[in-house]
Amino acid sequence: MPDSHRILIVDDSDEIIAYYTEILEEHGYQYSVAQDGRAAIESMKQNRPDLVLLDIMMPRKSGVGVFKKMKKDPELASVPVVIITGASKATGVEMTTGEEDPKETYQDDMTREFGVQLREQLQNLTPEGFLEKPVEPEQLISKIRSLLN
């Protein structure tokens, strides 16, 4: 039985979008896609989604910026948001615990500092869900179902 809930996928990776859309189609969810933060806000204003799957590190407005803008907008503030990020792997800083991988080079120092700053920003947000990439299909569907049912 098809699900009438509309999910907005906000991610700049074609591969990730293809992965999510395959999972959503398999479970009968309707979806739309925005590949950067500005496009996400425009899409939400035109057609309010029932749930947003939001990447953090994107061009033209980060996921943090999108989240903050949504929560300030009375029309979008109640839309559930699941932040899905690969920032822990990319920065070497675990976004949920703050634990850092060992630093071996100057580049690691710079990357870890970015990760620490990003984690601090995420700690101030209150999304309805937070998942780390790579996300297992069952994990994604379980989170979606729990928020939409």
C-alpha atoms as a PDB file:
ATOM      1  CA  MET A   1       0.000   0.000   0.000  1.00  0.00           C
ATOM      2  CA  PRO A   2       1.599   3.313  -1.081  1.00  0.00           C
ATOM      3  CA  ASP A   3       2.332   5.877   1.620  1.00  0.00           C
ATOM      4  CA  SER A   4       1.053   9.411   1.047  1.00  0.00           C
ATOM      5  CA  HIS A   5       3.693  11.087   3.209  1.00  0.00           C
ATOM      6  CA  ARG A   6       6.052  13.397   1.306  1.00  0.00           C
ATOM      7  CA  ILE A   7       9.730  13.196   2.229  1.00  0.00           C
ATOM      8  CA  LEU A   8      12.295  15.763   1.119  1.00  0.00           C
ATOM      9  CA  ILE A   9      15.807  14.400   0.611  1.00  0.00           C
ATOM     10  CA  VAL A  10      18.414  17.141   1.001  1.00  0.00           C
ATOM     11  CA  ASP A  11      21.868  15.930  -0.018  1.00  0.00           C
ATOM     12  CA  ASP A  12      24.470  17.016  -2.571  1.00  0.00           C
ATOM     13  CA  SER A  13      25.641  13.484  -3.434  1.00  0.00           C
ATOM     14  CA  ASP A  14      24.032  11.815  -6.457  1.00  0.00           C
ATOM     15  CA  GLU A  15      25.006   8.401  -5.060  1.00  0.00           C
ATOM     16  CA  ILE A  16      23.376   9.062  -1.681  1.00  0.00           C
ATOM     17  CA  ILE A  17      20.243  10.427  -3.341  1.00  0.00           C
ATOM     18  CA  ALA A  18      19.992   7.324  -5.533  1.00  0.00           C
ATOM     19  CA  TYR A  19      20.445   5.124  -2.452  1.00  0.00           C
ATOM     20  CA  TYR A  20      17.732   6.916  -0.443  1.00  0.00           C
ATOM     21  CA  THR A  21      15.286   7.068  -3.337  1.00  0.00           C
ATOM     22  CA  GLU A  22      15.630   3.336  -3.942  1.00  0.00           C
ATOM     23  CA  ILE A  23      14.854   2.650  -0.271  1.00  0.00           C
ATOM     24  CA  LEU A  24      11.912   5.067  -0.216  1.00  0.00           C
ATOM     25  CA  GLU A  25      10.453   3.722  -3.475  1.00  0.00           C
ATOM     26  CA  GLU A  26      10.723   0.164  -2.184  1.00  0.00           C
ATOM     27  CA  HIS A  27       8.610   1.176   0.829  1.00  0.00           C
ATOM     28  CA  GLY A  28       6.095   3.252  -1.148  1.00  0.00           C
ATOM     29  CA  TYR A  29       7.094   6.723   0.075  1.00  0.00           C
ATOM     30  CA  GLN A  30       6.700   9.826  -2.088  1.00  0.00           C
ATOM     31  CA  TYR A  31       9.781  12.030  -2.171  1.00  0.00           C
ATOM     32  CA  SER A  32      11.408  15.047  -3.723  1.00  0.00           C
ATOM     33  CA  VAL A  33      15.074  16.031  -3.834  1.00  0.00           C
ATOM     34  CA  ALA A  34      17.086  19.195  -3.221  1.00  0.00           C
ATOM     35  CA  GLN A  35      20.832  19.120  -3.761  1.00  0.00           C
ATOM     36  CA  ASP A  36      21.765  22.195  -1.747  1.00  0.00           C
ATOM     37  CA  GLY A  37      20.446  24.196   1.165  1.00  0.00           C
ATOM     38  CA  ARG A  38      18.909  27.042  -0.799  1.00  0.00           C
ATOM     39  CA  ALA A  39      17.038  24.659  -3.094  1.00  0.00           C
ATOM     40  CA  ALA A  40      15.797  22.807   0.000  1.00  0.00           C
ATOM     41  CA  ILE A  41      14.261  25.936   1.527  1.00  0.00           C
ATOM     42  CA  GLU A  42      12.646  26.891  -1.803  1.00  0.00           C
ATOM     43  CA  SER A  43      11.253  23.373  -2.225  1.00  0.00           C
ATOM     44  CA  MET A  44       9.819  23.349   1.308  1.00  0.00           C
ATOM     45  CA  LYS A  45       8.093  26.681   0.816  1.00  0.00           C
ATOM     46  CA  GLN A  46       6.489  25.496  -2.437  1.00  0.00           C
ATOM     47  CA  ASN A  47       5.446  22.058  -1.190  1.00  0.00           C
ATOM     48  CA  ARG A  48       5.702  21.500   2.567  1.00  0.00           C
ATOM     49  CA  PRO A  49       7.120  18.003   3.210  1.00  0.00           C
ATOM     50  CA  ASP A  50       6.019  15.708   6.004  1.00  0.00           C
ATOM     51  CA  LEU A  51       9.638  14.857   6.857  1.00  0.00           C
ATOM     52  CA  VAL A  52      13.107  16.037   5.820  1.00  0.00           C
ATOM     53  CA  LEU A  53      16.218  13.870   5.475  1.00  0.00           C
ATOM     54  CA  LEU A  54      18.959  16.485   5.842  1.00  0.00           C
ATOM     55  CA  ASP A  55      22.666  16.257   5.107  1.00  0.00           C
ATOM     56  CA  ILE A  56      24.875  18.711   6.996  1.00  0.00           C
ATOM     57  CA  MET A  57      27.828  19.411   4.704  1.00  0.00           C
ATOM     58  CA  MET A  58      26.386  20.899   1.508  1.00  0.00           C
ATOM     59  CA  PRO A  59      26.966  23.839  -0.826  1.00  0.00           C
ATOM     60  CA  ARG A  60      24.858  27.030  -0.971  1.00  0.00           C
ATOM     61  CA  LYS A  61      23.662  26.776   2.679  1.00  0.00           C
ATOM     62  CA  SER A  62      24.710  24.082   5.066  1.00  0.00           C
ATOM     63  CA  GLY A  63      22.319  21.655   6.670  1.00  0.00           C
ATOM     64  CA  VAL A  64      22.780  23.548   9.936  1.00  0.00           C
ATOM     65  CA  GLY A  65      21.615  26.731   8.172  1.00  0.00           C
ATOM     66  CA  VAL A  66      18.640  24.918   6.634  1.00  0.00           C
ATOM     67  CA  PHE A  67      17.637  23.471  10.005  1.00  0.00           C
ATOM     68  CA  LYS A  68      17.820  26.856  11.749  1.00  0.00           C
ATOM     69  CA  LYS A  69      15.813  28.541   8.996  1.00  0.00           C
ATOM     70  CA  MET A  70      13.148  25.823   9.148  1.00  0.00           C
ATOM     71  CA  LYS A  71      12.741  26.141  12.914  1.00  0.00           C
ATOM     72  CA  LYS A  72      12.308  29.942  12.642  1.00  0.00           C
ATOM     73  CA  ASP A  73       9.611  29.621   9.956  1.00  0.00           C
ATOM     74  CA  PRO A  74       6.121  29.033  11.427  1.00  0.00           C
ATOM     75  CA  GLU A  75       5.106  27.006   8.350  1.00  0.00           C
ATOM     76  CA  LEU A  76       8.110  24.673   8.592  1.00  0.00           C
ATOM     77  CA  ALA A  77       8.953  24.571  12.301  1.00  0.00           C
ATOM     78  CA  SER A  78       6.871  21.465  12.981  1.00  0.00           C
ATOM     79  CA  VAL A  79       8.292  19.423  10.086  1.00  0.00           C
ATOM     80  CA  PRO A  80      10.353  16.558  11.545  1.00  0.00           C
ATOM     81  CA  VAL A  81      14.018  16.558  10.525  1.00  0.00           C
ATOM     82  CA  VAL A  82      16.385  13.609  10.457  1.00  0.00           C
ATOM     83  CA  ILE A  83      19.968  14.764  10.168  1.00  0.00           C
ATOM     84  CA  ILE A  84      22.022  12.212   8.270  1.00  0.00           C
ATOM     85  CA  THR A  85      25.702  12.991   8.103  1.00  0.00           C
ATOM     86  CA  GLY A  86      29.022  11.496   7.209  1.00  0.00           C
ATOM     87  CA  ALA A  87      30.781  14.245   9.156  1.00  0.00           C
ATOM     88  CA  SER A  88      32.186  11.865  11.768  1.00  0.00           C
ATOM     89  CA  LYS A  89      34.062   9.894   9.134  1.00  0.00           C
ATOM     90  CA  ALA A  90      35.043  12.996   7.142  1.00  0.00           C
ATOM     91  CA  THR A  91      36.371  14.985  10.096  1.00  0.00           C
ATOM     92  CA  GLY A  92      37.599  12.294  12.473  1.00  0.00           C
ATOM     93  CA  VAL A  93      35.355  13.657  15.233  1.00  0.00           C
ATOM     94  CA  GLU A  94      32.442  11.477  16.338  1.00  0.00           C
ATOM     95  CA  MET A  95      29.421  13.777  16.078  1.00  0.00           C
ATOM     96  CA  THR A  96      27.475  12.064  18.863  1.00  0.00           C
ATOM     97  CA  THR A  97      30.237  11.673  21.473  1.00  0.00           C
ATOM     98  CA  GLY A  98      32.934  14.185  20.506  1.00  0.00           C
ATOM     99  CA  GLU A  99      35.596  11.480  20.517  1.00  0.00           C
ATOM    100  CA  GLU A 100      38.456  12.301  18.120  1.00  0.00           C
ATOM    101  CA  ASP A 101      40.545   9.963  15.979  1.00  0.00           C
ATOM    102  CA  PRO A 102      44.307  10.293  16.541  1.00  0.00           C
ATOM    103  CA  LYS A 103      45.905  13.222  14.716  1.00  0.00           C
ATOM    104  CA  GLU A 104      48.836  12.361  12.530  1.00  0.00           C
ATOM    105  CA  THR A 105      49.346  15.384  10.261  1.00  0.00           C
ATOM    106  CA  TYR A 106      48.760  19.125  10.164  1.00  0.00           C
ATOM    107  CA  GLN A 107      45.821  18.432   7.840  1.00  0.00           C
ATOM    108  CA  ASP A 108      44.344  16.196  10.541  1.00  0.00           C
ATOM    109  CA  ASP A 109      44.588  19.120  12.988  1.00  0.00           C
ATOM    110  CA  MET A 110      42.646  21.388  10.630  1.00  0.00           C
ATOM    111  CA  THR A 111      40.064  18.728   9.816  1.00  0.00           C
ATOM    112  CA  ARG A 112      39.541  17.834  13.481  1.00  0.00           C
ATOM    113  CA  GLU A 113      39.104  21.510  14.391  1.00  0.00           C
ATOM    114  CA  PHE A 114      36.385  21.782  11.748  1.00  0.00           C
ATOM    115  CA  GLY A 115      34.820  18.615  13.161  1.00  0.00           C
ATOM    116  CA  VAL A 116      34.840  20.017  16.699  1.00  0.00           C
ATOM    117  CA  GLN A 117      33.174  23.226  15.506  1.00  0.00           C
ATOM    118  CA  LEU A 118      30.583  21.288  13.516  1.00  0.00           C
ATOM    119  CA  ARG A 119      29.802  19.052  16.494  1.00  0.00           C
ATOM    120  CA  GLU A 120      29.286  22.144  18.665  1.00  0.00           C
ATOM    121  CA  GLN A 121      26.816  23.492  16.106  1.00  0.00           C
ATOM    122  CA  LEU A 122      24.983  20.155  15.982  1.00  0.00           C
ATOM    123  CA  GLN A 123      24.742  20.010  19.779  1.00  0.00           C
ATOM    124  CA  ASN A 124      22.642  23.191  19.691  1.00  0.00           C
ATOM    125  CA  LEU A 125      20.150  21.652  17.262  1.00  0.00           C
ATOM    126  CA  THR A 126      17.247  19.454  18.267  1.00  0.00           C
ATOM    127  CA  PRO A 127      16.398  17.297  15.266  1.00  0.00           C
ATOM    128  CA  GLU A 128      13.892  14.500  15.631  1.00  0.00           C
ATOM    129  CA  GLY A 129      16.539  12.054  14.454  1.00  0.00           C
ATOM    130  CA  PHE A 130      20.280  11.823  13.918  1.00  0.00           C
ATOM    131  CA  LEU A 131      21.853   9.086  11.803  1.00  0.00           C
ATOM    132  CA  GLU A 132      25.439   8.495  10.698  1.00  0.00           C
ATOM    133  CA  LYS A 133      26.322   7.576   7.115  1.00  0.00           C
ATOM    134  CA  PRO A 134      26.403   4.936   5.884  1.00  0.00           C
ATOM    135  CA  VAL A 135      22.804   4.310   6.927  1.00  0.00           C
ATOM    136  CA  GLU A 136      21.365   0.817   6.702  1.00  0.00           C
ATOM    137  CA  PRO A 137      17.992   0.667   4.870  1.00  0.00           C
ATOM    138  CA  GLU A 138      16.229  -0.857   7.898  1.00  0.00           C
ATOM    139  CA  GLN A 139      17.606   1.880  10.148  1.00  0.00           C
ATOM    140  CA  LEU A 140      16.374   4.620   7.795  1.00  0.00           C
ATOM    141  CA  ILE A 141      12.895   3.140   7.350  1.00  0.00           C
ATOM    142  CA  SER A 142      12.557   2.503  11.073  1.00  0.00           C
ATOM    143  CA  LYS A 143      13.356   6.149  11.859  1.00  0.00           C
ATOM    144  CA  ILE A 144      10.962   7.404   9.149  1.00  0.00           C
ATOM    145  CA  ARG A 145       8.143   5.171  10.356  1.00  0.00           C
ATOM    146  CA  SER A 146       8.610   6.205  13.965  1.00  0.00           C
ATOM    147  CA  LEU A 147       8.340   9.882  13.037  1.00  0.00           C
ATOM    148  CA  LEU A 148       5.469   9.648  10.550  1.00  0.00           C
ATOM    149  CA  ASN A 149       3.200   7.165  12.343  1.00  0.00           C
END
